Amino acid sequence: MLKLNTLKKSSAIGAACLCACAASTAWGQDLTVKSPPQDLPVIIRHATAHPISGPAIPDSVIWLSKGKIEGVFTAADFANIERTASWQSPGPVEIDATGKHVYPGMIAPYTQLGLDEIGMVEATRDYHETGAITPEVRAITAVNPDSTLLPVTRANGVLVAGVFPKNGLIPGQPAVIQLEGWTWEDMAVEPSIGMAVEWPNMRPVSSWWMRTSEAEQKKQVRKAVDAIEGAFSTALSYFEARRENPRTPNDLRWDAMRGVISVPPAKGMMGLTRQWPVFIVANDYDQITAAVTWAASAKLRVVIVGGMDAPLCADLLKQNNVSVIVLGTQRFPKRDDSAYNESFALPAKLKDAGIPFCIASGEETPHERNTPYAAGMATAHGLSQDDAIRAVTLSAAEILGVSGRLGSLEKGKDATLIVTTGSPIEVSTQITDAFIVGKRLDLSNKQTKLYEKYRERYRQMNELKNAPK
């Protein structure tokens, strides 16, 4: 999904561009070695396990094997299993987690991780394609597995991410990745989870900085909405034509929308096993109501991304089974007369209204490690601790369509989990161990290396200062 550029300048300028690309790639290079696949069983003992899908289990035993969770047991139940177990030499890896906690790996549901490295260097911004309507674009193919942002993020317990293209009206297909692997194929949990749509603002902006007239803004809004509706209408007509005549030429652009549009299959072709959602970025009341009303008429599944005004249209969202990805809680109020904690309390309002939601960081890509703290802020404004942790684990997995593999500690799910000193959404908590599909992670990263480097500098300075004269 590389952004396309037409190079019509001199070879000297072209060479300079190539040098800049090479340099920016070097700046964004993670040098840590990837973990090998799990080869031995892992037994984590004496921690308090938090399955998320059920109550906490004190003094638990968690058994990991071949990248999957074999089970989460009480110590007594596992003792009975262990008596009859026949471990092959050299036996399982034992981890004593006395006094610690085990949670499923946290999920950052809306990010550009792997697609965006340095905001000021365009060559490292790989999240948008040329053109406003590009449903054929797959974000997963542009993910850089060596991004320095991945180790920093997973060191704070965020092990999975929803990766979204953005900019344009239909920027393409988001994916779900695990934050470790040699290639994007290794990292892919789901290479495509639906379609991203960015709904235009429905009201003209009258701020001092706006130079476009209200009439012109309304014309631009109508044009953008018509383009989105027209793309889905054209795709539907294409599928109907293909169903009637399988010899109709293929069009990759519209074929890419097959997963989100509910249509009968063409002759000789299998139908969809599931309908993936359309993720619509919308915050204002007018945006949300317009987008959901249109999507309902087109028989689309919808997830609203942002949703600042979602509580104002709760009935419409519940009527159409719409979920919300909250884009961060640490934001300013939306209007002059809004409550000071409007953003902080948004998750609690969605919970009270019965609207399924999860919480994203709302931060720039280098700060996705702060995802758990966005959930933590919500606990100070009405959301329970359990619901906040669920919002960055199982609820996120459900909304992204990967709850069959991730989001909770259950038998048969991926062994993607963290060992912590406390609640993962508290700033004071440390992540002491992490696993992705059973692979034990190296939690070092650029920031820990810099910490060690400058600690050593001051150690040497103190040594010289205190040396005998």
Protein backbone atom coordinates (compact mmCIF):
# COMPACT_ATOMS: atom_id res chain seq x y z
CA MET A 1 0.00 0.00 0.00
CA LEU A 2 2.84 2.34 -0.76
CA LYS A 3 1.83 5.87 -1.57
CA LEU A 4 2.39 6.38 -5.26
CA ASN A 5 4.40 9.33 -6.50
CA THR A 6 5.02 10.38 -10.08
CA LEU A 7 8.71 11.18 -10.47
CA LYS A 8 9.28 13.60 -13.33
CA LYS A 9 12.27 15.44 -11.97
CA SER A 10 15.96 15.15 -12.55
CA SER A 11 17.93 12.03 -11.70
CA ALA A 12 19.76 14.02 -9.03
CA ILE A 13 16.52 14.77 -7.21
CA GLY A 14 15.45 11.15 -7.65
CA ALA A 15 18.70 9.96 -6.08
CA ALA A 16 18.19 12.34 -3.17
CA CYS A 17 14.70 10.93 -2.62
CA LEU A 18 16.08 7.39 -2.59
CA CYS A 19 18.72 8.40 -0.05
CA ALA A 20 16.04 9.97 2.14
CA CYS A 21 13.96 6.78 1.96
CA ALA A 22 16.98 4.67 2.90
CA ALA A 23 17.83 6.95 5.79
CA SER A 24 14.26 7.01 7.10
CA THR A 25 14.11 3.21 6.91
CA ALA A 26 17.30 3.01 8.95
CA TRP A 27 15.84 5.37 11.56
CA GLY A 28 12.80 3.07 11.87
CA GLN A 29 14.70 -0.21 12.16
CA ASP A 30 14.09 -2.49 15.15
CA LEU A 31 17.23 -4.53 15.80
CA THR A 32 15.82 -6.95 18.39
CA VAL A 33 15.76 -10.61 17.34
CA LYS A 34 12.33 -12.13 16.78
CA SER A 35 11.30 -14.87 19.18
CA PRO A 36 11.30 -18.49 17.90
CA PRO A 37 8.04 -20.50 17.90
CA GLN A 38 7.12 -22.18 21.16
CA ASP A 39 8.76 -25.60 21.38
CA LEU A 40 8.27 -26.53 25.05
CA PRO A 41 5.13 -26.32 27.20
CA VAL A 42 5.03 -23.34 29.59
CA ILE A 43 3.49 -23.53 33.06
CA ILE A 44 2.80 -20.22 34.85
CA ARG A 45 2.12 -20.86 38.54
CA HIS A 46 0.73 -18.97 41.54
CA ALA A 47 -0.45 -15.83 39.70
CA THR A 48 -3.95 -14.43 39.92
CA ALA A 49 -5.38 -15.20 36.46
CA HIS A 50 -7.90 -12.78 34.94
CA PRO A 51 -9.69 -14.67 32.13
CA ILE A 52 -11.91 -11.60 31.37
CA SER A 53 -14.66 -13.96 30.20
CA GLY A 54 -15.07 -15.15 33.80
CA PRO A 55 -14.07 -14.38 37.38
CA ALA A 56 -10.46 -14.05 38.52
CA ILE A 57 -8.70 -17.24 39.64
CA PRO A 58 -6.27 -16.76 42.57
CA ASP A 59 -3.24 -19.04 42.86
CA SER A 60 -3.81 -20.24 39.31
CA VAL A 61 -1.89 -22.45 36.92
CA ILE A 62 -1.86 -21.46 33.24
CA TRP A 63 -0.70 -24.10 30.77
CA LEU A 64 0.56 -23.03 27.34
CA SER A 65 1.40 -25.51 24.58
CA LYS A 66 2.13 -25.15 20.85
CA GLY A 67 1.06 -21.52 20.85
CA LYS A 68 -2.33 -22.17 22.45
CA ILE A 69 -3.78 -22.02 25.95
CA GLU A 70 -4.27 -25.58 27.17
CA GLY A 71 -6.18 -24.38 30.18
CA VAL A 72 -6.44 -22.03 33.15
CA PHE A 73 -6.74 -24.01 36.39
CA THR A 74 -6.81 -23.65 40.12
CA ALA A 75 -3.69 -25.08 41.76
CA ALA A 76 -5.70 -28.01 43.15
CA ASP A 77 -7.25 -28.91 39.78
CA PHE A 78 -3.92 -28.77 38.01
CA ALA A 79 -2.29 -30.96 40.68
CA ASN A 80 -4.71 -33.73 39.68
CA ILE A 81 -3.87 -33.24 35.99
CA GLU A 82 -0.13 -33.14 36.70
CA ARG A 83 -0.18 -36.52 38.44
CA THR A 84 -1.11 -38.24 35.20
CA ALA A 85 0.76 -35.93 32.79
CA SER A 86 3.76 -37.42 30.98
CA TRP A 87 6.04 -34.55 30.00
CA GLN A 88 8.64 -35.23 27.35
CA SER A 89 12.23 -34.35 28.26
CA PRO A 90 13.36 -31.68 29.08
CA GLY A 91 9.87 -30.97 30.45
CA PRO A 92 7.89 -27.74 30.58
CA VAL A 93 9.29 -24.28 31.26
CA GLU A 94 8.16 -23.26 34.75
CA ILE A 95 7.44 -19.62 35.65
CA ASP A 96 6.82 -18.71 39.28
CA ALA A 97 4.50 -15.70 39.21
CA THR A 98 3.74 -15.53 42.92
CA GLY A 99 2.12 -12.21 43.78
CA LYS A 100 1.63 -11.31 40.10
CA HIS A 101 -1.31 -11.24 37.70
CA VAL A 102 -1.92 -12.71 34.26
CA TYR A 103 -4.14 -11.00 31.69
CA PRO A 104 -4.76 -11.56 27.99
CA GLY A 105 -2.55 -9.35 25.84
CA MET A 106 -4.16 -5.93 25.40
CA ILE A 107 -5.47 -4.86 22.00
CA ALA A 108 -5.09 -1.40 20.45
CA PRO A 109 -8.18 -1.43 18.22
CA TYR A 110 -7.47 1.55 15.93
CA THR A 111 -3.86 2.31 14.99
CA GLN A 112 -1.41 2.91 12.17
CA LEU A 113 1.27 0.75 13.82
CA GLY A 114 3.67 -0.58 11.23
CA LEU A 115 2.39 1.96 8.70
CA ASP A 116 3.64 5.16 10.30
CA GLU A 117 7.09 5.69 11.78
CA ILE A 118 8.16 9.34 11.77
CA GLY A 119 5.42 11.90 11.26
CA MET A 120 7.72 14.48 9.65
CA VAL A 121 9.19 12.00 7.13
CA GLU A 122 6.68 11.28 4.38
CA ALA A 123 8.54 8.17 3.22
CA THR A 124 7.69 6.49 6.54
CA ARG A 125 3.97 7.34 6.35
CA ASP A 126 2.46 4.38 4.55
CA TYR A 127 -1.16 4.53 5.65
CA HIS A 128 -2.82 6.21 2.68
CA GLU A 129 -3.03 5.64 -1.05
CA THR A 130 -3.48 8.04 -3.94
CA GLY A 131 -7.18 8.60 -4.59
CA ALA A 132 -10.27 8.98 -2.41
CA ILE A 133 -11.92 5.61 -3.21
CA THR A 134 -9.43 2.75 -2.83
CA PRO A 135 -11.25 -0.28 -1.36
CA GLU A 136 -8.72 -2.65 -2.92
CA VAL A 137 -5.92 -1.34 -0.68
CA ARG A 138 -4.92 -3.79 2.06
CA ALA A 139 -3.17 -2.18 5.02
CA ILE A 140 -1.58 -5.48 6.06
CA THR A 141 0.74 -5.62 3.03
CA ALA A 142 2.44 -2.34 4.02
CA VAL A 143 3.09 -3.25 7.67
CA ASN A 144 6.78 -2.90 8.56
CA PRO A 145 7.65 -5.76 10.97
CA ASP A 146 10.88 -3.96 11.95
CA SER A 147 9.22 -0.74 13.13
CA THR A 148 10.83 0.54 16.34
CA LEU A 149 7.35 1.42 17.60
CA LEU A 150 6.28 -2.22 17.91
CA PRO A 151 8.67 -3.26 20.74
CA VAL A 152 7.92 -0.06 22.66
CA THR A 153 4.17 -0.71 22.41
CA ARG A 154 4.26 -4.39 23.36
CA ALA A 155 6.56 -3.66 26.33
CA ASN A 156 3.53 -1.96 27.91
CA GLY A 157 1.32 -5.02 27.41
CA VAL A 158 -0.29 -4.11 24.08
CA LEU A 159 0.37 -7.23 21.98
CA VAL A 160 -2.28 -6.93 19.24
CA ALA A 161 -3.44 -4.03 17.07
CA GLY A 162 -6.10 -3.15 14.56
CA VAL A 163 -4.19 -1.48 11.71
CA PHE A 164 -6.24 0.96 9.63
CA PRO A 165 -5.49 2.86 6.45
CA LYS A 166 -6.78 6.41 6.58
CA ASN A 167 -7.32 9.57 4.55
CA GLY A 168 -9.63 9.56 1.57
CA LEU A 169 -13.28 8.53 1.73
CA ILE A 170 -12.83 4.76 1.45
CA PRO A 171 -9.12 4.29 2.24
CA GLY A 172 -9.13 0.49 2.20
CA GLN A 173 -9.16 -2.64 4.33
CA PRO A 174 -7.97 -2.69 7.96
CA ALA A 175 -6.27 -5.75 9.48
CA VAL A 176 -5.52 -7.24 12.88
CA ILE A 177 -1.86 -7.97 13.62
CA GLN A 178 0.15 -9.36 16.51
CA LEU A 179 3.12 -7.15 17.33
CA GLU A 180 5.85 -9.70 16.65
CA GLY A 181 7.03 -11.55 13.58
CA TRP A 182 9.60 -11.59 10.80
CA THR A 183 7.13 -10.64 8.05
CA TRP A 184 3.65 -9.22 7.77
CA GLU A 185 2.43 -12.73 6.99
CA ASP A 186 3.81 -13.87 10.37
CA MET A 187 2.09 -10.96 12.11
CA ALA A 188 -1.32 -11.28 10.48
CA VAL A 189 -4.14 -12.46 12.74
CA GLU A 190 -6.78 -11.40 10.18
CA PRO A 191 -5.43 -9.83 6.96
CA SER A 192 -8.73 -8.06 6.28
CA ILE A 193 -11.50 -7.33 8.78
CA GLY A 194 -13.81 -5.16 6.69
CA MET A 195 -13.68 -1.73 5.09
CA ALA A 196 -12.67 1.68 6.44
CA VAL A 197 -14.82 4.70 5.58
CA GLU A 198 -14.20 8.30 6.62
CA TRP A 199 -17.53 10.13 6.72
CA PRO A 200 -17.37 13.86 5.91
CA ASN A 201 -18.45 16.57 8.34
CA MET A 202 -22.13 17.25 7.63
CA ARG A 203 -22.20 20.82 8.92
CA PRO A 204 -20.29 23.77 7.43
CA VAL A 205 -17.47 25.14 9.57
CA SER A 206 -17.70 28.86 10.37
CA SER A 207 -14.47 29.31 12.35
CA TRP A 208 -12.17 32.29 11.70
CA TRP A 209 -9.66 30.12 9.85
CA MET A 210 -12.15 28.70 7.33
CA ARG A 211 -11.75 30.36 3.92
CA THR A 212 -14.38 28.27 2.07
CA SER A 213 -17.94 29.62 1.96
CA GLU A 214 -20.77 27.68 3.59
CA ALA A 215 -22.39 27.09 0.19
CA GLU A 216 -19.17 25.62 -1.17
CA GLN A 217 -18.68 23.47 1.94
CA LYS A 218 -22.20 22.05 1.59
CA LYS A 219 -21.46 21.26 -2.05
CA GLN A 220 -18.26 19.44 -1.04
CA VAL A 221 -20.10 17.45 1.65
CA ARG A 222 -22.78 16.36 -0.81
CA LYS A 223 -20.11 15.37 -3.31
CA ALA A 224 -18.25 13.28 -0.70
CA VAL A 225 -21.40 11.52 0.53
CA ASP A 226 -22.46 10.81 -3.06
CA ALA A 227 -19.01 9.32 -3.75
CA ILE A 228 -19.24 6.94 -0.77
CA GLU A 229 -22.81 5.90 -1.54
CA GLY A 230 -21.96 5.61 -5.24
CA ALA A 231 -19.01 3.30 -4.57
CA PHE A 232 -21.13 0.84 -2.58
CA SER A 233 -23.97 1.08 -5.11
CA THR A 234 -21.56 0.39 -7.98
CA ALA A 235 -20.08 -2.57 -6.12
CA LEU A 236 -23.57 -4.00 -5.54
CA SER A 237 -24.41 -3.62 -9.24
CA TYR A 238 -21.11 -5.33 -10.10
CA PHE A 239 -21.92 -8.31 -7.86
CA GLU A 240 -25.39 -8.60 -9.35
CA ALA A 241 -23.90 -8.55 -12.84
CA ARG A 242 -21.37 -11.23 -11.86
CA ARG A 243 -24.14 -13.35 -10.37
CA GLU A 244 -26.17 -13.20 -13.57
CA ASN A 245 -23.16 -13.64 -15.84
CA PRO A 246 -19.99 -15.13 -14.29
CA ARG A 247 -18.09 -14.12 -17.43
CA THR A 248 -18.42 -10.47 -16.48
CA PRO A 249 -14.82 -9.12 -16.28
CA ASN A 250 -13.33 -8.98 -12.81
CA ASP A 251 -12.77 -5.61 -11.18
CA LEU A 252 -10.36 -5.79 -8.24
CA ARG A 253 -11.70 -2.58 -6.75
CA TRP A 254 -15.25 -3.90 -6.36
CA ASP A 255 -14.20 -7.48 -5.64
CA ALA A 256 -12.48 -6.09 -2.53
CA MET A 257 -15.90 -5.04 -1.17
CA ARG A 258 -17.41 -8.52 -1.36
CA GLY A 259 -16.78 -9.19 2.34
CA VAL A 260 -18.85 -6.24 3.57
CA ILE A 261 -21.78 -6.22 1.11
CA SER A 262 -24.47 -8.82 1.68
CA VAL A 263 -25.30 -10.26 -1.75
CA PRO A 264 -26.17 -13.77 -2.99
CA PRO A 265 -23.13 -15.53 -4.50
CA ALA A 266 -22.51 -15.85 -8.23
CA LYS A 267 -23.30 -19.15 -9.92
CA GLY A 268 -20.72 -21.75 -8.97
CA MET A 269 -19.30 -19.58 -6.16
CA MET A 270 -19.60 -20.00 -2.39
CA GLY A 271 -21.42 -17.37 -0.38
CA LEU A 272 -19.90 -15.40 2.49
CA THR A 273 -19.45 -17.27 5.75
CA ARG A 274 -19.67 -13.95 7.59
CA GLN A 275 -20.29 -10.31 6.79
CA TRP A 276 -17.44 -8.05 7.86
CA PRO A 277 -18.25 -4.58 9.19
CA VAL A 278 -17.74 -1.16 7.69
CA PHE A 279 -15.68 0.94 10.12
CA ILE A 280 -16.98 4.49 9.76
CA VAL A 281 -14.95 7.31 11.29
CA ALA A 282 -17.55 9.74 12.64
CA ASN A 283 -17.79 11.91 15.77
CA ASP A 284 -20.57 14.47 15.31
CA TYR A 285 -24.24 13.68 15.84
CA ASP A 286 -25.03 14.57 12.22
CA GLN A 287 -22.19 12.40 10.94
CA ILE A 288 -23.20 9.38 13.01
CA THR A 289 -26.91 9.55 12.20
CA ALA A 290 -26.30 10.09 8.48
CA ALA A 291 -23.75 7.26 8.29
CA VAL A 292 -25.81 4.73 10.28
CA THR A 293 -29.03 5.56 8.43
CA TRP A 294 -27.33 5.07 5.08
CA ALA A 295 -25.59 1.86 6.20
CA ALA A 296 -28.87 0.42 7.48
CA SER A 297 -30.53 1.07 4.12
CA ALA A 298 -27.60 -0.64 2.39
CA LYS A 299 -27.75 -3.63 4.82
CA LEU A 300 -24.20 -3.09 6.07
CA ARG A 301 -22.76 -3.97 9.46
CA VAL A 302 -21.39 -0.82 11.09
CA VAL A 303 -18.76 0.04 13.68
CA ILE A 304 -18.44 3.75 14.49
CA VAL A 305 -14.86 4.92 15.08
CA GLY A 306 -14.67 8.01 17.31
CA GLY A 307 -18.27 8.36 18.43
CA MET A 308 -17.97 11.48 20.60
CA ASP A 309 -21.71 12.14 20.13
CA ALA A 310 -22.70 8.47 20.20
CA PRO A 311 -24.65 8.78 23.49
CA LEU A 312 -26.89 11.40 21.83
CA CYS A 313 -28.05 8.85 19.25
CA ALA A 314 -27.98 5.74 21.43
CA ASP A 315 -31.41 4.51 20.31
CA LEU A 316 -30.38 4.56 16.65
CA LEU A 317 -27.15 2.71 17.41
CA LYS A 318 -28.88 0.01 19.47
CA GLN A 319 -31.63 -0.40 16.87
CA ASN A 320 -28.97 -1.16 14.24
CA ASN A 321 -26.58 -3.17 16.45
CA VAL A 322 -23.80 -0.61 16.04
CA SER A 323 -20.61 -0.84 18.12
CA VAL A 324 -18.22 2.03 18.89
CA ILE A 325 -14.43 2.25 18.97
CA VAL A 326 -13.80 5.18 21.33
CA LEU A 327 -10.82 7.15 19.99
CA GLY A 328 -9.22 7.97 23.31
CA THR A 329 -10.56 9.47 26.51
CA GLN A 330 -7.92 12.11 27.18
CA ARG A 331 -9.36 14.78 24.91
CA PHE A 332 -10.83 18.25 25.30
CA PRO A 333 -14.60 18.67 25.45
CA LYS A 334 -16.20 18.93 22.03
CA ARG A 335 -18.30 22.08 22.58
CA ASP A 336 -17.99 25.23 24.66
CA ASP A 337 -20.92 24.17 26.84
CA SER A 338 -19.87 20.52 27.20
CA ALA A 339 -18.97 19.04 30.57
CA TYR A 340 -15.25 19.15 31.36
CA ASN A 341 -15.15 15.33 31.53
CA GLU A 342 -17.13 14.67 28.34
CA SER A 343 -14.37 12.53 26.83
CA PHE A 344 -13.37 10.92 30.12
CA ALA A 345 -16.93 9.74 30.77
CA LEU A 346 -17.81 8.65 27.22
CA PRO A 347 -17.14 4.90 27.82
CA ALA A 348 -19.30 4.91 30.95
CA LYS A 349 -22.14 6.60 29.04
CA LEU A 350 -21.92 3.97 26.29
CA LYS A 351 -21.94 1.21 28.90
CA ASP A 352 -25.02 2.69 30.60
CA ALA A 353 -26.75 3.02 27.21
CA GLY A 354 -26.08 -0.64 26.37
CA ILE A 355 -23.88 0.11 23.35
CA PRO A 356 -20.95 -2.30 22.77
CA PHE A 357 -17.65 -0.41 22.77
CA CYS A 358 -13.91 -0.73 23.09
CA ILE A 359 -11.26 1.91 23.76
CA ALA A 360 -8.39 3.02 21.51
CA SER A 361 -5.60 5.34 22.60
CA GLY A 362 -6.55 8.22 20.30
CA GLU A 363 -2.83 9.06 20.31
CA GLU A 364 -0.33 9.50 17.50
CA THR A 365 1.23 6.21 16.40
CA PRO A 366 4.44 6.49 18.50
CA HIS A 367 2.28 6.72 21.64
CA GLU A 368 0.09 3.63 21.17
CA ARG A 369 1.74 2.21 24.28
CA ASN A 370 -0.63 4.55 26.19
CA THR A 371 -3.71 2.54 25.13
CA PRO A 372 -4.22 1.06 28.64
CA TYR A 373 -4.17 4.51 30.22
CA ALA A 374 -7.04 5.68 28.01
CA ALA A 375 -9.05 2.88 29.62
CA GLY A 376 -7.66 3.80 33.03
CA MET A 377 -8.89 7.38 32.70
CA ALA A 378 -12.43 6.09 32.10
CA THR A 379 -12.40 4.30 35.48
CA ALA A 380 -12.13 7.67 37.24
CA HIS A 381 -15.33 8.79 35.50
CA GLY A 382 -17.87 6.03 35.98
CA LEU A 383 -16.52 2.91 34.24
CA SER A 384 -15.69 -0.08 36.42
CA GLN A 385 -12.17 -1.51 36.49
CA ASP A 386 -13.38 -4.81 34.98
CA ASP A 387 -15.24 -3.07 32.15
CA ALA A 388 -12.23 -0.86 31.41
CA ILE A 389 -9.88 -3.85 31.11
CA ARG A 390 -12.46 -5.67 28.99
CA ALA A 391 -12.57 -2.62 26.70
CA VAL A 392 -8.90 -3.17 25.73
CA THR A 393 -9.08 -6.98 25.62
CA LEU A 394 -12.19 -9.05 24.91
CA SER A 395 -14.48 -6.21 23.77
CA ALA A 396 -11.82 -5.03 21.32
CA ALA A 397 -11.42 -8.59 20.02
CA GLU A 398 -15.18 -8.94 19.56
CA ILE A 399 -15.55 -5.67 17.65
CA LEU A 400 -12.55 -6.48 15.42
CA GLY A 401 -13.89 -9.98 14.77
CA VAL A 402 -11.05 -11.97 16.36
CA SER A 403 -12.57 -13.04 19.68
CA GLY A 404 -12.31 -16.69 18.63
CA ARG A 405 -8.54 -16.39 19.04
CA LEU A 406 -7.85 -13.44 21.32
CA GLY A 407 -9.12 -11.25 24.14
CA SER A 408 -9.52 -13.75 26.98
CA LEU A 409 -7.71 -16.58 28.75
CA GLU A 410 -9.60 -19.64 27.56
CA LYS A 411 -8.68 -23.13 26.41
CA GLY A 412 -7.96 -23.23 22.69
CA LYS A 413 -7.27 -19.51 22.27
CA ASP A 414 -3.89 -18.11 21.26
CA ALA A 415 -1.34 -18.04 24.07
CA THR A 416 -1.09 -14.25 23.82
CA LEU A 417 -0.91 -12.89 27.35
CA ILE A 418 0.97 -10.73 29.84
CA VAL A 419 2.30 -11.21 33.37
CA THR A 420 2.01 -8.03 35.42
CA THR A 421 2.62 -6.60 38.89
CA GLY A 422 -0.94 -5.24 39.05
CA SER A 423 -3.80 -3.92 36.91
CA PRO A 424 -2.46 -3.30 33.38
CA ILE A 425 -4.39 -0.04 33.04
CA GLU A 426 -2.58 1.55 36.02
CA VAL A 427 0.51 3.65 35.25
CA SER A 428 2.47 2.13 38.13
CA THR A 429 2.07 -1.45 36.88
CA GLN A 430 5.03 -3.20 35.28
CA ILE A 431 4.86 -5.88 32.58
CA THR A 432 7.29 -8.58 33.67
CA ASP A 433 6.62 -11.18 30.97
CA ALA A 434 4.72 -11.42 27.71
CA PHE A 435 3.85 -14.14 25.22
CA ILE A 436 2.52 -13.96 21.66
CA VAL A 437 1.16 -17.33 20.44
CA GLY A 438 3.33 -18.97 23.07
CA LYS A 439 6.53 -17.15 22.07
CA ARG A 440 8.19 -15.53 25.07
CA LEU A 441 9.00 -11.95 24.12
CA ASP A 442 12.12 -9.91 24.61
CA LEU A 443 10.64 -6.80 26.25
CA SER A 444 13.67 -4.63 25.56
CA ASN A 445 13.28 -1.78 23.10
CA LYS A 446 14.85 1.51 22.06
CA GLN A 447 13.62 3.29 25.18
CA THR A 448 14.93 0.65 27.60
CA LYS A 449 18.29 0.71 25.81
CA LEU A 450 18.48 4.49 26.13
CA TYR A 451 17.56 4.19 29.81
CA GLU A 452 20.40 1.71 30.37
CA LYS A 453 22.81 3.85 28.36
CA TYR A 454 22.29 7.03 30.35
CA ARG A 455 22.09 5.23 33.70
CA GLU A 456 25.56 3.92 32.88
CA ARG A 457 26.73 7.44 32.01
CA TYR A 458 25.73 8.80 35.43
CA ARG A 459 27.14 5.74 37.17
CA GLN A 460 30.50 6.44 35.58
CA MET A 461 30.28 10.15 36.47
CA ASN A 462 29.55 9.31 40.12
CA GLU A 463 32.40 6.79 40.13
CA LEU A 464 34.84 9.44 38.90
CA LYS A 465 33.47 12.03 41.33
CA ASN A 466 33.90 9.72 44.32
CA ALA A 467 37.26 8.30 43.29
CA PRO A 468 40.18 8.95 45.72
CA LYS A 469 42.16 12.04 44.82
